[in-house]
Amino acid sequence: MARGIQIVSQRNRIFRQRVELEGFEELFVDVPEAFGGEDSAPDPHDYFDLSLGACKAITAQMYARRKEWPLDAVSVVVNRDERDERHGVYRLDVAMTFHGALDSAQRARLEEISDKCPIHRLMTSSTVEITTRLRG
């Protein structure tokens, strides 16, 4: 189910944006001071990166629940390596910790399953088509 997302500039001539996502509290997006922003909220790259980490955690939790495995929680750390971004390479390093009385085979399987989360697949194997148009 697609949700309507609306982004509205928050402050005159400064880059902070208010995101209205149907059914949720407002989110905000900004850019670092080094790029002329106020660094008052995550930047667009942060949301991109956190989408991957959150999706991997949720996917592992769903799988463990279905298998009735003793997974208590998942911790994920996502680090971005921006060195080659201008050359078309966007690198993310994801470190996951599975909390609970799991054996090594279960932990390995959860790691494998997390690589199949929808956002991981979208980022690594999908062709994304974007149409931008003017309204009103």
Protein backbone atom coordinates (compact mmCIF):
# COMPACT_ATOMS: atom_id res chain seq x y z
CA MET A 1 0.00 0.00 0.00
CA ALA A 2 1.56 3.29 -1.09
CA ARG A 3 1.36 6.19 1.34
CA GLY A 4 1.13 9.79 0.29
CA ILE A 5 4.30 11.69 1.12
CA GLN A 6 4.44 15.47 0.93
CA ILE A 7 7.62 17.50 1.45
CA VAL A 8 7.36 21.21 2.21
CA SER A 9 10.23 23.69 2.63
CA GLN A 10 10.33 24.67 6.29
CA ARG A 11 12.31 27.90 6.35
CA ASN A 12 12.80 30.58 3.74
CA ARG A 13 16.03 30.06 1.76
CA ILE A 14 17.34 27.39 4.15
CA PHE A 15 17.19 23.69 3.31
CA ARG A 16 15.14 22.20 6.18
CA GLN A 17 12.13 20.27 4.88
CA ARG A 18 9.00 19.06 6.69
CA VAL A 19 7.84 15.63 5.59
CA GLU A 20 4.18 14.76 5.97
CA LEU A 21 3.64 11.04 5.76
CA GLU A 22 0.00 10.08 5.83
CA GLY A 23 -0.94 8.69 9.23
CA PHE A 24 2.30 9.59 11.04
CA GLU A 25 3.85 12.48 12.91
CA GLU A 26 5.92 14.89 10.88
CA LEU A 27 9.51 14.10 10.00
CA PHE A 28 12.18 16.60 9.11
CA VAL A 29 15.10 16.57 6.68
CA ASP A 30 18.01 18.98 6.53
CA VAL A 31 21.56 19.08 5.25
CA PRO A 32 24.80 19.58 7.18
CA GLU A 33 26.11 23.09 7.82
CA ALA A 34 28.99 22.35 5.44
CA PHE A 35 26.41 22.30 2.61
CA GLY A 36 24.52 25.41 3.74
CA GLY A 37 21.97 23.72 5.99
CA GLU A 38 21.39 23.95 9.70
CA ASP A 39 22.12 20.28 10.47
CA SER A 40 18.81 20.28 12.38
CA ALA A 41 17.59 16.89 11.17
CA PRO A 42 18.85 13.80 9.34
CA ASP A 43 19.87 14.40 5.74
CA PRO A 44 18.35 12.47 2.81
CA HIS A 45 21.27 10.01 2.80
CA ASP A 46 20.62 9.21 6.47
CA TYR A 47 17.02 8.23 5.68
CA PHE A 48 18.21 6.10 2.76
CA ASP A 49 20.73 4.33 4.99
CA LEU A 50 18.40 3.87 7.95
CA SER A 51 15.79 2.35 5.67
CA LEU A 52 18.20 -0.47 4.93
CA GLY A 53 19.10 -1.07 8.58
CA ALA A 54 15.50 -1.00 9.77
CA CYS A 55 14.34 -3.30 6.98
CA LYS A 56 17.06 -5.83 7.74
CA ALA A 57 16.13 -5.83 11.45
CA ILE A 58 12.42 -6.21 10.75
CA THR A 59 13.01 -9.00 8.23
CA ALA A 60 15.16 -10.94 10.71
CA GLN A 61 12.55 -10.45 13.45
CA MET A 62 9.72 -11.63 11.21
CA TYR A 63 11.66 -14.74 10.19
CA ALA A 64 12.62 -15.57 13.78
CA ARG A 65 9.03 -15.14 14.93
CA ARG A 66 7.78 -17.45 12.18
CA LYS A 67 10.38 -20.05 13.14
CA GLU A 68 9.66 -19.49 16.86
CA TRP A 69 13.33 -18.77 17.52
CA PRO A 70 14.34 -16.98 20.74
CA LEU A 71 15.29 -13.64 19.16
CA ASP A 72 14.78 -10.91 21.75
CA ALA A 73 15.99 -7.91 19.75
CA VAL A 74 18.16 -6.83 16.84
CA SER A 75 20.76 -4.06 16.89
CA VAL A 76 21.97 -2.65 13.59
CA VAL A 77 24.73 -0.15 12.88
CA VAL A 78 24.93 1.27 9.35
CA ASN A 79 28.04 3.15 8.26
CA ARG A 80 28.31 4.95 4.95
CA ASP A 81 31.58 5.21 3.03
CA GLU A 82 31.23 8.29 0.85
CA ARG A 83 34.71 8.21 -0.72
CA ASP A 84 33.56 6.79 -4.08
CA GLU A 85 30.03 8.21 -4.24
CA ARG A 86 30.98 10.68 -6.96
CA HIS A 87 32.21 7.72 -9.03
CA GLY A 88 28.86 5.96 -8.81
CA VAL A 89 29.65 3.69 -5.85
CA TYR A 90 27.59 4.04 -2.67
CA ARG A 91 28.98 1.78 0.04
CA LEU A 92 27.13 0.81 3.19
CA ASP A 93 28.61 -1.36 5.92
CA VAL A 94 25.94 -3.03 8.06
CA ALA A 95 26.82 -4.67 11.38
CA MET A 96 24.01 -6.66 12.98
CA THR A 97 23.72 -8.11 16.46
CA PHE A 98 21.03 -10.66 17.25
CA HIS A 99 20.12 -10.69 20.94
CA GLY A 100 18.71 -13.87 22.43
CA ALA A 101 19.52 -17.52 23.05
CA LEU A 102 20.26 -18.32 19.41
CA ASP A 103 22.81 -20.85 18.21
CA SER A 104 25.42 -20.00 15.57
CA ALA A 105 23.41 -21.61 12.76
CA GLN A 106 20.35 -19.53 13.63
CA ARG A 107 22.43 -16.35 13.74
CA ALA A 108 23.96 -17.15 10.34
CA ARG A 109 20.52 -17.84 8.88
CA LEU A 110 19.14 -14.55 10.22
CA GLU A 111 22.06 -12.69 8.65
CA GLU A 112 21.40 -14.45 5.33
CA ILE A 113 17.67 -13.70 5.53
CA SER A 114 18.32 -10.03 6.32
CA ASP A 115 20.10 -9.71 2.96
CA LYS A 116 16.79 -10.61 1.34
CA CYS A 117 14.83 -7.76 2.90
CA PRO A 118 12.85 -5.67 0.38
CA ILE A 119 15.03 -2.57 0.77
CA HIS A 120 18.29 -4.53 0.32
CA ARG A 121 16.87 -6.07 -2.86
CA LEU A 122 15.61 -2.69 -4.05
CA MET A 123 19.00 -1.10 -3.49
CA THR A 124 21.01 -3.89 -5.12
CA SER A 125 18.96 -5.49 -7.86
CA SER A 126 16.09 -3.26 -8.97
CA THR A 127 15.83 -0.76 -11.72
CA VAL A 128 14.26 2.33 -10.23
CA GLU A 129 12.37 4.63 -12.56
CA ILE A 130 11.68 8.15 -11.37
CA THR A 131 9.36 10.60 -13.06
CA THR A 132 9.54 14.21 -11.89
CA ARG A 133 6.85 16.63 -12.97
CA LEU A 134 5.62 20.08 -12.00
CA ARG A 135 2.29 20.50 -10.22
CA GLY A 136 0.14 23.58 -10.43
